[in-house]
Amino acid sequence: MWIKIALLLLFFAAMIAVGLRRRAKARSVDDFVLGGRNVGPWLSAFAYGTSYFSAVIFVGYAGQFGFKYGIASTWVGIGNAILGSLLAWVVLGRRTRVMTNHLSSSTMPDFFGKRFGSQKLKIAASAIVFIFLVPYTASIYNGLSLLFEMAFDVPYAVCVVAMAALTGLYVVLGGYMATAITDFIQGLIMLGGIVLVIASVLAQNGGFLAALNALSQIESEVALTAGQQGAYASFFGPDPLNLLGVVVLTSLGTWGLPQMVHKFYAIKNEKAVQTGTIVSTIFALIVAGGCYFLGGFGRLYDSPQLYNAEGAIVYDRIMPTMLGTLSDAVIAVIIVLVLSASMSTLASLVLSSSSTLTLDFISCLVAKDMSERGKLRCMRLLIVFFIAVSVLLALNPPTFIAQLMGISWGALAGAFLAPFLYGLYWKRTTCAAAWASFVSGIGITLSNMVFGYISSPINAGAIAMLAGLVIVPLVSLLTKAPQAVMLQDIFSCYEEKVLVPRKYSLKRDH
């Protein structure tokens, strides 16, 4: 217990120290929200990765999908690395930085408003961000608190409130750069921690081959492969189609999430894009691949404590049960690991939500003449408000962690992914198409919550995203094209000539 407490106190002290150190430099909106668009490659890459993965992944997704699909759930982590990190940086990174800087855009809703020339679109987007980031935040509290209960026997409510207060403190103090620096520290902890945990679990089960052999003896419960042995140790698992839905939601979804895309706004230069692409991909492969690989052995820890009074399995108990069998020293590392993952994601969420509501909603509708200092004060107050609302939801969560995240990701990425992606590349993308994507993404997610015509919220979220990719070009072609003069100004940023060192260019010698 003393080891656990000592590590936690050291971790908390480091986070607060960073917030205090960065407070003096977060004096403008641009500094507070974007770090002055001067964030280097390693900080950018770790900020992206640590915002991506949290207790939702480690406790909720790894536990649930590892139990459902066995070792094949590792494909989710591989998809996160390739589609959610590598391709996201390649396709979105540079273009997002260039166009958002050209438009002086600090948030995703602000980008929509300026790219499509519509204040109403901007306001609607800011409302969507604020509403649907709340359930995601609640899921983070939930996952972390389950581990704290296992390790310290501390009441769930105490864990939620303590984590919220600490995160709010360093974000309010230091803004984006404080979160980027702490993300780097937390990312290093996550990398080392996941390797240690995997090694400990495999050693406990006699090594990788012995653990895999034990997993292959379990009969499948899925309709497609019911009664078969070896499905949970197979290449694609017992249910490949639903596994694909998880890969799509958790990987492609990052392309439309404001707290993820926001990282590209703040990139310093070309080198940061190139290095950040490689570092974030490796980070995702180790952390996400490791989490889902670990979760694939969850069935080896099947026990009565995983089930509720009605006999239904509680997926959120799987990982805490597995990890609770390890030594106290390893558990201490796990606690700091998951705390690092969760607080980095939570910081990103509250900063995105507060900045969006302040800059894109309040300053547009309520206080149009708000000063720079007023905007900073408002953002800090809204950080506290957003954390309080998400805490209230987390204290009485309506469903499993994975379902909470599926609802949030499905709505946000379903609404934003397509118009943001096409808006960066295709001049013909129209404001009407963006509205159509908003309606379809939110509509599919909410209607499925009520009527349940798609059995899994995860698959519903994936369908919402894919639907937007079809709806946006279709509606754009059927509606009036944007004004040519406006488009010429917006896309002129990509044609601007710049001088670069020879190592970045192979132009012909004369």
Protein backbone atom coordinates (compact mmCIF):
# COMPACT_ATOMS: atom_id res chain seq x y z
CA MET A 1 0.00 0.00 0.00
CA TRP A 2 2.85 2.41 0.75
CA ILE A 3 4.29 1.78 -2.72
CA LYS A 4 0.94 2.60 -4.32
CA ILE A 5 0.47 5.76 -2.27
CA ALA A 6 4.04 6.97 -2.87
CA LEU A 7 3.74 6.56 -6.64
CA LEU A 8 0.39 8.35 -6.69
CA LEU A 9 1.67 11.28 -4.63
CA LEU A 10 4.71 11.63 -6.88
CA PHE A 11 2.48 11.54 -9.95
CA PHE A 12 0.05 14.13 -8.56
CA ALA A 13 2.89 16.45 -7.54
CA ALA A 14 4.39 16.33 -11.03
CA MET A 15 1.07 17.17 -12.71
CA ILE A 16 0.39 20.13 -10.43
CA ALA A 17 3.96 21.41 -10.83
CA VAL A 18 3.58 21.46 -14.62
CA GLY A 19 0.30 23.37 -14.34
CA LEU A 20 1.83 25.97 -12.05
CA ARG A 21 4.90 26.36 -14.27
CA ARG A 22 2.84 26.93 -17.42
CA ARG A 23 0.33 29.30 -15.81
CA ALA A 24 2.38 32.43 -16.48
CA LYS A 25 2.64 31.61 -20.20
CA ALA A 26 -1.07 30.93 -20.80
CA ARG A 27 -2.09 34.58 -21.03
CA SER A 28 -3.89 34.66 -24.37
CA VAL A 29 -6.64 32.56 -25.92
CA ASP A 30 -4.21 31.25 -28.54
CA ASP A 31 -1.71 30.23 -25.85
CA PHE A 32 -4.36 28.63 -23.65
CA VAL A 33 -6.13 26.70 -26.43
CA LEU A 34 -3.33 25.94 -28.91
CA GLY A 35 -0.06 26.53 -27.10
CA GLY A 36 0.67 29.33 -29.55
CA ARG A 37 0.68 26.78 -32.41
CA ASN A 38 4.23 26.04 -31.37
CA VAL A 39 4.06 22.44 -30.13
CA GLY A 40 6.96 20.21 -31.19
CA PRO A 41 6.88 16.69 -32.67
CA TRP A 42 7.23 14.56 -29.55
CA LEU A 43 4.77 16.58 -27.49
CA SER A 44 2.29 16.58 -30.39
CA ALA A 45 2.62 12.82 -30.94
CA PHE A 46 2.26 11.95 -27.25
CA ALA A 47 -0.62 14.42 -26.84
CA TYR A 48 -2.42 12.66 -29.70
CA GLY A 49 -1.71 9.18 -28.36
CA THR A 50 -2.53 9.84 -24.72
CA SER A 51 -5.76 11.61 -25.68
CA TYR A 52 -6.65 8.57 -27.76
CA PHE A 53 -6.25 5.93 -25.07
CA SER A 54 -7.66 6.04 -21.54
CA ALA A 55 -9.29 3.84 -18.92
CA VAL A 56 -12.07 3.34 -21.46
CA ILE A 57 -9.63 1.35 -23.59
CA PHE A 58 -7.77 -0.36 -20.76
CA VAL A 59 -10.75 -1.32 -18.58
CA GLY A 60 -13.82 -1.08 -20.79
CA TYR A 61 -12.85 -1.99 -24.34
CA ALA A 62 -9.95 -4.34 -23.64
CA GLY A 63 -12.05 -6.23 -21.10
CA GLN A 64 -15.25 -6.43 -23.12
CA PHE A 65 -13.82 -7.12 -26.55
CA GLY A 66 -11.04 -9.35 -25.28
CA PHE A 67 -13.72 -11.47 -23.61
CA LYS A 68 -15.88 -11.47 -26.76
CA TYR A 69 -13.24 -12.03 -29.43
CA GLY A 70 -10.28 -13.51 -27.58
CA ILE A 71 -6.78 -12.91 -28.87
CA ALA A 72 -8.25 -11.59 -32.17
CA SER A 73 -9.14 -8.37 -30.32
CA THR A 74 -5.49 -7.41 -30.92
CA TRP A 75 -6.66 -6.41 -34.41
CA VAL A 76 -8.43 -3.46 -32.80
CA GLY A 77 -5.12 -2.15 -31.49
CA ILE A 78 -3.45 -2.70 -34.86
CA GLY A 79 -6.32 -0.82 -36.54
CA ASN A 80 -5.92 2.00 -34.03
CA ALA A 81 -2.23 2.29 -34.93
CA ILE A 82 -2.59 2.13 -38.73
CA LEU A 83 -5.96 3.74 -39.42
CA GLY A 84 -6.45 5.79 -36.26
CA SER A 85 -2.89 7.14 -35.99
CA LEU A 86 -0.70 6.66 -39.08
CA LEU A 87 -3.31 7.47 -41.76
CA ALA A 88 -4.92 10.17 -39.63
CA TRP A 89 -1.61 12.03 -39.43
CA VAL A 90 -0.81 11.47 -43.12
CA VAL A 91 -4.24 12.49 -44.44
CA LEU A 92 -5.24 15.18 -41.93
CA GLY A 93 -2.13 16.44 -40.14
CA ARG A 94 -0.50 18.87 -42.55
CA ARG A 95 -3.68 20.07 -44.28
CA THR A 96 -5.42 20.70 -40.96
CA ARG A 97 -2.50 22.76 -39.65
CA VAL A 98 -2.25 24.82 -42.86
CA MET A 99 -5.94 25.58 -43.38
CA THR A 100 -6.86 26.19 -39.73
CA ASN A 101 -3.94 28.59 -39.39
CA HIS A 102 -4.98 30.36 -42.62
CA LEU A 103 -8.57 30.69 -41.34
CA SER A 104 -7.40 31.67 -37.81
CA SER A 105 -9.50 28.79 -36.52
CA SER A 106 -8.94 27.49 -32.99
CA THR A 107 -11.64 24.81 -32.76
CA MET A 108 -13.44 22.36 -35.03
CA PRO A 109 -16.78 24.25 -34.90
CA ASP A 110 -14.92 27.46 -35.78
CA PHE A 111 -13.40 25.64 -38.77
CA PHE A 112 -16.85 24.58 -39.95
CA GLY A 113 -18.18 28.12 -39.58
CA LYS A 114 -15.34 29.69 -41.61
CA ARG A 115 -14.90 26.90 -44.15
CA PHE A 116 -18.60 26.81 -45.04
CA GLY A 117 -19.42 30.44 -44.29
CA SER A 118 -22.13 29.72 -41.72
CA GLN A 119 -22.37 30.96 -38.15
CA LYS A 120 -25.37 28.69 -37.55
CA LEU A 121 -23.31 25.64 -38.53
CA LYS A 122 -20.58 26.75 -36.13
CA ILE A 123 -23.03 27.16 -33.24
CA ALA A 124 -24.70 23.80 -33.93
CA ALA A 125 -21.31 22.08 -34.01
CA SER A 126 -20.30 23.62 -30.68
CA ALA A 127 -23.52 22.40 -29.06
CA ILE A 128 -22.92 18.87 -30.40
CA VAL A 129 -19.36 18.88 -29.03
CA PHE A 130 -20.41 19.97 -25.56
CA ILE A 131 -23.33 17.53 -25.28
CA PHE A 132 -21.65 14.41 -26.60
CA LEU A 133 -18.28 14.78 -24.88
CA VAL A 134 -20.02 14.42 -21.52
CA PRO A 135 -20.79 10.66 -21.77
CA TYR A 136 -17.26 9.98 -22.98
CA THR A 137 -15.85 11.82 -19.99
CA ALA A 138 -18.13 9.91 -17.63
CA SER A 139 -16.87 6.62 -19.06
CA ILE A 140 -13.29 7.62 -18.24
CA TYR A 141 -14.13 8.30 -14.59
CA ASN A 142 -15.99 5.02 -14.42
CA GLY A 143 -13.16 2.88 -15.73
CA LEU A 144 -10.47 4.42 -13.55
CA SER A 145 -12.58 4.30 -10.40
CA LEU A 146 -13.15 0.55 -10.79
CA LEU A 147 -9.38 0.02 -10.66
CA PHE A 148 -9.01 2.31 -7.66
CA GLU A 149 -11.66 0.34 -5.80
CA MET A 150 -9.75 -2.86 -6.55
CA ALA A 151 -6.36 -1.48 -5.48
CA PHE A 152 -7.23 0.77 -2.54
CA ASP A 153 -10.72 -0.28 -1.50
CA VAL A 154 -11.70 3.39 -1.86
CA PRO A 155 -15.37 4.22 -2.60
CA TYR A 156 -16.17 4.84 -6.26
CA ALA A 157 -17.51 8.37 -5.63
CA VAL A 158 -14.33 9.47 -3.84
CA CYS A 159 -12.20 8.28 -6.77
CA VAL A 160 -14.33 10.16 -9.30
CA VAL A 161 -14.27 13.46 -7.40
CA ALA A 162 -10.53 13.29 -6.63
CA MET A 163 -9.57 12.59 -10.25
CA ALA A 164 -11.85 15.35 -11.52
CA ALA A 165 -10.42 17.90 -9.11
CA LEU A 166 -6.79 17.14 -9.94
CA THR A 167 -7.33 17.20 -13.71
CA GLY A 168 -9.32 20.40 -13.52
CA LEU A 169 -6.55 22.03 -11.49
CA TYR A 170 -3.68 21.61 -13.94
CA VAL A 171 -5.82 22.28 -17.03
CA VAL A 172 -7.24 25.49 -15.54
CA LEU A 173 -3.76 26.63 -14.57
CA GLY A 174 -1.74 25.89 -17.69
CA GLY A 175 -4.08 25.29 -20.64
CA TYR A 176 -2.98 23.32 -23.72
CA MET A 177 0.79 23.39 -23.15
CA ALA A 178 0.33 22.13 -19.60
CA THR A 179 -1.69 19.20 -20.93
CA ALA A 180 0.87 18.56 -23.72
CA ILE A 181 3.78 18.40 -21.27
CA THR A 182 1.89 16.22 -18.81
CA ASP A 183 0.76 14.05 -21.74
CA PHE A 184 4.41 13.40 -22.57
CA ILE A 185 5.16 12.33 -18.99
CA GLN A 186 2.01 10.24 -18.85
CA GLY A 187 2.79 8.67 -22.22
CA LEU A 188 6.18 7.44 -21.04
CA ILE A 189 4.47 5.87 -18.03
CA MET A 190 1.91 4.19 -20.30
CA LEU A 191 4.59 2.71 -22.57
CA GLY A 192 6.59 1.21 -19.73
CA GLY A 193 3.53 0.16 -17.77
CA ILE A 194 1.80 -1.79 -20.51
CA VAL A 195 4.94 -3.82 -21.24
CA LEU A 196 5.32 -4.68 -17.55
CA VAL A 197 1.66 -5.68 -17.17
CA ILE A 198 1.66 -7.94 -20.23
CA ALA A 199 4.84 -9.65 -19.08
CA SER A 200 3.36 -10.18 -15.58
CA VAL A 201 0.07 -11.64 -16.82
CA LEU A 202 1.75 -14.01 -19.28
CA ALA A 203 4.25 -15.14 -16.63
CA GLN A 204 1.37 -15.83 -14.25
CA ASN A 205 -0.18 -18.14 -16.85
CA GLY A 206 2.99 -20.04 -17.71
CA GLY A 207 4.13 -17.94 -20.64
CA PHE A 208 2.58 -16.94 -23.96
CA LEU A 209 2.22 -20.43 -25.47
CA ALA A 210 0.76 -21.91 -22.29
CA ALA A 211 -1.72 -19.01 -21.96
CA LEU A 212 -2.71 -19.34 -25.61
CA ASN A 213 -3.17 -23.10 -25.23
CA ALA A 214 -5.42 -22.57 -22.19
CA LEU A 215 -7.46 -20.04 -24.16
CA SER A 216 -7.88 -22.49 -27.05
CA GLN A 217 -9.59 -25.01 -24.75
CA ILE A 218 -12.55 -22.70 -24.11
CA GLU A 219 -15.69 -23.33 -26.17
CA SER A 220 -17.17 -20.44 -28.13
CA GLU A 221 -20.50 -18.95 -27.03
CA VAL A 222 -21.06 -16.93 -30.22
CA ALA A 223 -23.83 -18.18 -32.54
CA LEU A 224 -21.48 -18.45 -35.53
CA THR A 225 -19.02 -20.70 -33.74
CA ALA A 226 -21.05 -21.99 -30.76
CA GLY A 227 -19.50 -25.02 -29.10
CA GLN A 228 -16.24 -24.83 -31.03
CA GLN A 229 -12.95 -24.92 -29.19
CA GLY A 230 -10.11 -22.66 -30.25
CA ALA A 231 -12.22 -19.76 -31.55
CA TYR A 232 -10.91 -17.38 -28.88
CA ALA A 233 -7.31 -18.21 -29.80
CA SER A 234 -7.89 -17.96 -33.56
CA PHE A 235 -6.71 -15.32 -36.03
CA PHE A 236 -10.06 -13.53 -36.51
CA GLY A 237 -11.91 -14.78 -33.43
CA PRO A 238 -15.46 -16.12 -33.18
CA ASP A 239 -17.24 -13.10 -34.72
CA PRO A 240 -15.14 -11.28 -37.37
CA LEU A 241 -17.95 -9.00 -38.65
CA ASN A 242 -18.68 -7.39 -35.28
CA LEU A 243 -14.95 -7.22 -34.62
CA LEU A 244 -14.63 -5.16 -37.81
CA GLY A 245 -17.25 -2.74 -36.46
CA VAL A 246 -15.12 -2.17 -33.36
CA VAL A 247 -12.03 -1.57 -35.49
CA VAL A 248 -13.88 1.00 -37.64
CA LEU A 249 -15.38 2.91 -34.70
CA THR A 250 -12.24 3.07 -32.58
CA SER A 251 -9.88 3.79 -35.51
CA LEU A 252 -11.69 5.87 -38.12
CA GLY A 253 -13.55 7.70 -35.35
CA THR A 254 -10.45 9.68 -34.38
CA TRP A 255 -10.64 11.50 -37.72
CA GLY A 256 -13.80 13.28 -36.62
CA LEU A 257 -13.28 13.79 -32.89
CA PRO A 258 -12.60 17.44 -31.98
CA GLN A 259 -10.21 16.64 -29.13
CA MET A 260 -8.09 14.52 -31.50
CA VAL A 261 -8.09 16.75 -34.57
CA HIS A 262 -7.30 19.69 -32.28
CA LYS A 263 -3.77 18.29 -31.86
CA PHE A 264 -3.05 19.03 -35.53
CA TYR A 265 -4.02 22.70 -35.08
CA ALA A 266 -1.13 23.24 -32.65
CA ILE A 267 1.71 21.56 -34.57
CA LYS A 268 4.83 23.72 -34.84
CA ASN A 269 6.28 22.90 -38.27
CA GLU A 270 6.81 20.33 -41.01
CA LYS A 271 9.31 18.33 -38.99
CA ALA A 272 6.74 18.02 -36.20
CA VAL A 273 4.30 16.49 -38.68
CA GLN A 274 6.82 13.97 -40.01
CA THR A 275 8.20 12.91 -36.64
CA GLY A 276 4.81 13.03 -34.98
CA THR A 277 3.38 10.62 -37.57
CA ILE A 278 6.00 7.97 -36.77
CA VAL A 279 6.02 8.44 -33.00
CA SER A 280 2.23 8.44 -32.60
CA THR A 281 1.93 5.27 -34.71
CA ILE A 282 4.51 3.39 -32.65
CA PHE A 283 2.89 4.67 -29.45
CA ALA A 284 -0.54 3.42 -30.57
CA LEU A 285 0.83 0.05 -31.64
CA ILE A 286 2.42 -0.55 -28.23
CA VAL A 287 -0.33 0.88 -26.01
CA ALA A 288 -3.49 -0.06 -27.91
CA GLY A 289 -2.10 -3.30 -29.31
CA GLY A 290 -0.86 -4.22 -25.84
CA CYS A 291 -4.18 -3.43 -24.13
CA TYR A 292 -6.30 -5.48 -26.51
CA PHE A 293 -3.75 -8.30 -26.58
CA LEU A 294 -3.90 -8.38 -22.79
CA GLY A 295 -7.71 -8.30 -22.79
CA GLY A 296 -7.74 -11.32 -25.08
CA PHE A 297 -6.78 -13.49 -22.13
CA GLY A 298 -9.70 -12.26 -20.01
CA ARG A 299 -11.55 -15.57 -20.25
CA LEU A 300 -8.76 -17.25 -18.33
CA TYR A 301 -10.01 -15.27 -15.30
CA ASP A 302 -13.69 -16.17 -15.66
CA SER A 303 -15.20 -16.36 -12.17
CA PRO A 304 -18.53 -15.74 -10.37
CA GLN A 305 -17.47 -12.22 -9.38
CA LEU A 306 -17.65 -11.15 -13.04
CA TYR A 307 -21.44 -11.64 -13.05
CA ASN A 308 -24.27 -9.63 -11.52
CA ALA A 309 -27.24 -10.96 -9.54
CA GLU A 310 -29.16 -11.77 -12.74
CA GLY A 311 -26.27 -13.85 -14.09
CA ALA A 312 -25.21 -11.34 -16.77
CA ILE A 313 -21.53 -10.66 -17.17
CA VAL A 314 -20.28 -7.21 -16.12
CA TYR A 315 -17.55 -6.56 -18.64
CA ASP A 316 -16.06 -3.67 -16.67
CA ARG A 317 -15.02 -6.10 -13.93
CA ILE A 318 -12.89 -8.29 -16.20
CA MET A 319 -9.67 -6.27 -16.28
CA PRO A 320 -9.77 -5.31 -12.56
CA THR A 321 -10.26 -9.01 -11.73
CA MET A 322 -7.34 -10.02 -13.93
CA LEU A 323 -5.03 -7.33 -12.59
CA GLY A 324 -6.07 -7.91 -8.98
CA THR A 325 -4.25 -11.24 -9.06
CA LEU A 326 -0.86 -9.61 -9.65
CA SER A 327 1.69 -8.44 -7.07
CA ASP A 328 1.24 -5.16 -5.18
CA ALA A 329 4.20 -3.58 -6.95
CA VAL A 330 2.75 -4.35 -10.39
CA ILE A 331 -0.70 -3.14 -9.29
CA ALA A 332 0.89 0.15 -8.19
CA VAL A 333 2.36 0.58 -11.69
CA ILE A 334 -1.01 -0.32 -13.25
CA ILE A 335 -2.79 2.33 -11.21
CA VAL A 336 -0.38 5.04 -12.33
CA LEU A 337 -0.54 3.69 -15.90
CA VAL A 338 -4.32 3.90 -16.13
CA LEU A 339 -4.40 7.16 -14.20
CA SER A 340 -1.96 8.62 -16.73
CA ALA A 341 -4.03 7.41 -19.68
CA SER A 342 -7.27 8.66 -18.19
CA MET A 343 -6.16 12.07 -16.99
CA SER A 344 -4.53 12.92 -20.32
CA THR A 345 -7.72 12.07 -22.19
CA LEU A 346 -9.88 13.87 -19.65
CA ALA A 347 -7.72 17.01 -19.87
CA SER A 348 -8.07 16.99 -23.66
CA LEU A 349 -11.83 16.56 -23.46
CA VAL A 350 -12.49 19.36 -20.97
CA LEU A 351 -10.20 21.76 -22.81
CA SER A 352 -11.90 21.04 -26.15
CA SER A 353 -15.35 21.40 -24.66
CA SER A 354 -14.71 24.60 -22.72
CA SER A 355 -12.88 26.34 -25.57
CA THR A 356 -15.59 25.38 -28.06
CA LEU A 357 -18.42 26.59 -25.86
CA THR A 358 -16.63 29.87 -25.09
CA LEU A 359 -15.28 30.77 -28.54
CA ASP A 360 -17.98 29.29 -30.74
CA PHE A 361 -21.16 29.65 -28.70
CA ILE A 362 -21.03 32.21 -25.90
CA SER A 363 -18.84 34.77 -27.68
CA CYS A 364 -21.05 34.45 -30.79
CA LEU A 365 -24.49 34.59 -29.18
CA VAL A 366 -24.27 35.94 -25.64
CA ALA A 367 -21.21 38.17 -25.23
CA LYS A 368 -20.02 39.23 -28.67
CA ASP A 369 -17.66 41.88 -27.31
CA MET A 370 -15.96 39.63 -24.77
CA SER A 371 -12.34 40.61 -24.12
CA GLU A 372 -9.34 38.29 -24.31
CA ARG A 373 -9.17 38.13 -20.52
CA GLY A 374 -12.91 37.52 -20.36
CA LYS A 375 -12.64 34.58 -22.76
CA LEU A 376 -9.85 33.04 -20.68
CA ARG A 377 -11.88 33.47 -17.50
CA CYS A 378 -14.94 31.98 -19.18
CA MET A 379 -13.01 28.95 -20.45
CA ARG A 380 -11.60 28.26 -17.02
CA LEU A 381 -15.07 28.47 -15.44
CA LEU A 382 -16.51 26.18 -18.11
CA ILE A 383 -13.75 23.63 -17.48
CA VAL A 384 -14.99 23.43 -13.90
CA PHE A 385 -18.63 23.28 -15.06
CA PHE A 386 -17.95 20.56 -17.64
CA ILE A 387 -16.08 18.45 -15.10
CA ALA A 388 -18.92 18.85 -12.59
CA VAL A 389 -21.56 17.73 -15.10
CA SER A 390 -19.54 14.71 -16.20
CA VAL A 391 -18.92 13.77 -12.54
CA LEU A 392 -22.67 13.76 -11.88
CA LEU A 393 -23.18 11.45 -14.84
CA ALA A 394 -20.25 9.25 -13.82
CA LEU A 395 -21.69 8.77 -10.33
CA ASN A 396 -24.71 7.10 -11.89
CA PRO A 397 -23.57 5.80 -15.29
CA PRO A 398 -26.42 4.46 -17.43
CA THR A 399 -24.56 1.56 -19.10
CA PHE A 400 -21.23 -0.14 -19.63
CA ILE A 401 -18.11 1.88 -20.36
CA ALA A 402 -17.85 0.68 -23.95
CA GLN A 403 -21.45 1.66 -24.69
CA LEU A 404 -20.95 5.15 -23.24
CA MET A 405 -17.91 5.65 -25.44
CA GLY A 406 -19.71 4.18 -28.46
CA ILE A 407 -22.54 6.70 -28.11
CA SER A 408 -20.14 9.63 -27.82
CA TRP A 409 -17.76 8.60 -30.59
CA GLY A 410 -20.59 7.57 -32.89
CA ALA A 411 -22.40 10.89 -32.59
CA LEU A 412 -19.33 13.13 -32.82
CA ALA A 413 -17.43 11.30 -35.55
CA GLY A 414 -20.66 10.48 -37.40
CA ALA A 415 -21.50 14.18 -37.54
CA PHE A 416 -18.04 15.71 -38.07
CA LEU A 417 -15.74 13.25 -39.85
CA ALA A 418 -17.09 13.53 -43.40
CA PRO A 419 -17.55 17.33 -43.64
CA PHE A 420 -14.15 17.92 -42.02
CA LEU A 421 -12.31 15.48 -44.30
CA TYR A 422 -14.01 16.59 -47.51
CA GLY A 423 -13.78 20.22 -46.42
CA LEU A 424 -9.99 20.00 -46.30
CA TYR A 425 -9.65 18.43 -49.74
CA TRP A 426 -12.71 19.08 -51.92
CA LYS A 427 -13.78 22.59 -52.88
CA ARG A 428 -17.23 21.41 -53.97
CA THR A 429 -18.20 20.39 -50.40
CA THR A 430 -21.23 22.47 -49.41
CA CYS A 431 -22.71 23.82 -46.22
CA ALA A 432 -25.89 21.81 -46.87
CA ALA A 433 -23.80 18.63 -46.99
CA ALA A 434 -22.25 19.49 -43.61
CA TRP A 435 -25.75 19.98 -42.15
CA ALA A 436 -26.83 16.64 -43.64
CA SER A 437 -23.87 14.91 -42.01
CA PHE A 438 -24.70 16.50 -38.65
CA VAL A 439 -28.30 15.29 -38.90
CA SER A 440 -27.41 11.77 -40.04
CA GLY A 441 -24.64 11.25 -37.46
CA ILE A 442 -26.70 12.46 -34.51
CA GLY A 443 -29.89 10.94 -35.90
CA ILE A 444 -28.50 7.42 -36.29
CA THR A 445 -26.92 7.48 -32.83
CA LEU A 446 -29.94 8.85 -30.95
CA SER A 447 -32.59 6.88 -32.83
CA ASN A 448 -30.67 3.67 -32.20
CA MET A 449 -30.54 4.50 -28.48
CA VAL A 450 -34.36 4.70 -28.48
CA PHE A 451 -35.37 1.96 -30.92
CA GLY A 452 -32.34 -0.34 -30.85
CA TYR A 453 -32.57 -1.37 -34.50
CA ILE A 454 -28.79 -1.90 -34.50
CA SER A 455 -27.98 -4.31 -31.69
CA SER A 456 -24.62 -2.79 -30.78
CA PRO A 457 -23.99 0.94 -30.14
CA ILE A 458 -20.48 0.25 -31.39
CA ASN A 459 -21.74 -0.86 -34.79
CA ALA A 460 -24.25 2.00 -34.82
CA GLY A 461 -21.39 4.46 -34.39
CA ALA A 462 -19.39 2.84 -37.19
CA ILE A 463 -22.41 2.96 -39.51
CA ALA A 464 -23.00 6.65 -38.66
CA MET A 465 -19.42 7.48 -39.70
CA LEU A 466 -19.56 5.50 -42.93
CA ALA A 467 -22.96 6.99 -43.78
CA GLY A 468 -21.51 10.50 -43.57
CA LEU A 469 -18.77 9.62 -46.05
CA VAL A 470 -21.50 8.80 -48.59
CA ILE A 471 -24.00 11.53 -47.69
CA VAL A 472 -21.60 14.50 -47.87
CA PRO A 473 -20.46 14.06 -51.49
CA LEU A 474 -23.98 13.12 -52.59
CA VAL A 475 -25.62 16.18 -51.02
CA SER A 476 -22.76 18.42 -52.20
CA LEU A 477 -23.37 17.41 -55.81
CA LEU A 478 -27.13 17.97 -55.46
CA THR A 479 -26.88 21.44 -53.86
CA LYS A 480 -25.57 24.79 -55.02
CA ALA A 481 -21.78 25.07 -55.15
CA PRO A 482 -20.07 27.52 -52.75
CA GLN A 483 -18.99 30.90 -54.10
CA ALA A 484 -15.82 30.66 -56.16
CA VAL A 485 -14.30 33.78 -54.59
CA MET A 486 -14.67 32.37 -51.07
CA LEU A 487 -13.19 29.02 -52.11
CA GLN A 488 -10.27 30.69 -53.85
CA ASP A 489 -9.37 32.52 -50.65
CA ILE A 490 -9.79 29.45 -48.42
CA PHE A 491 -7.75 27.07 -50.57
CA SER A 492 -5.08 29.61 -51.49
CA CYS A 493 -3.18 28.54 -48.35
CA TYR A 494 -2.23 25.28 -50.04
CA GLU A 495 -0.70 27.08 -53.03
CA GLU A 496 1.47 29.48 -51.05
CA LYS A 497 5.14 29.12 -51.97
CA VAL A 498 7.60 28.38 -49.16
CA LEU A 499 11.37 27.85 -49.03
CA VAL A 500 12.55 24.62 -47.44
CA PRO A 501 15.99 23.06 -46.84
CA ARG A 502 17.29 20.71 -49.56
CA LYS A 503 16.83 17.72 -47.21
CA TYR A 504 13.07 18.24 -47.57
CA SER A 505 13.06 18.83 -51.32
CA LEU A 506 14.60 17.11 -54.36
CA LYS A 507 14.00 19.96 -56.77
CA ARG A 508 15.98 19.80 -60.01
CA ASP A 509 19.39 21.49 -60.10
CA HIS A 510 19.90 24.14 -62.80
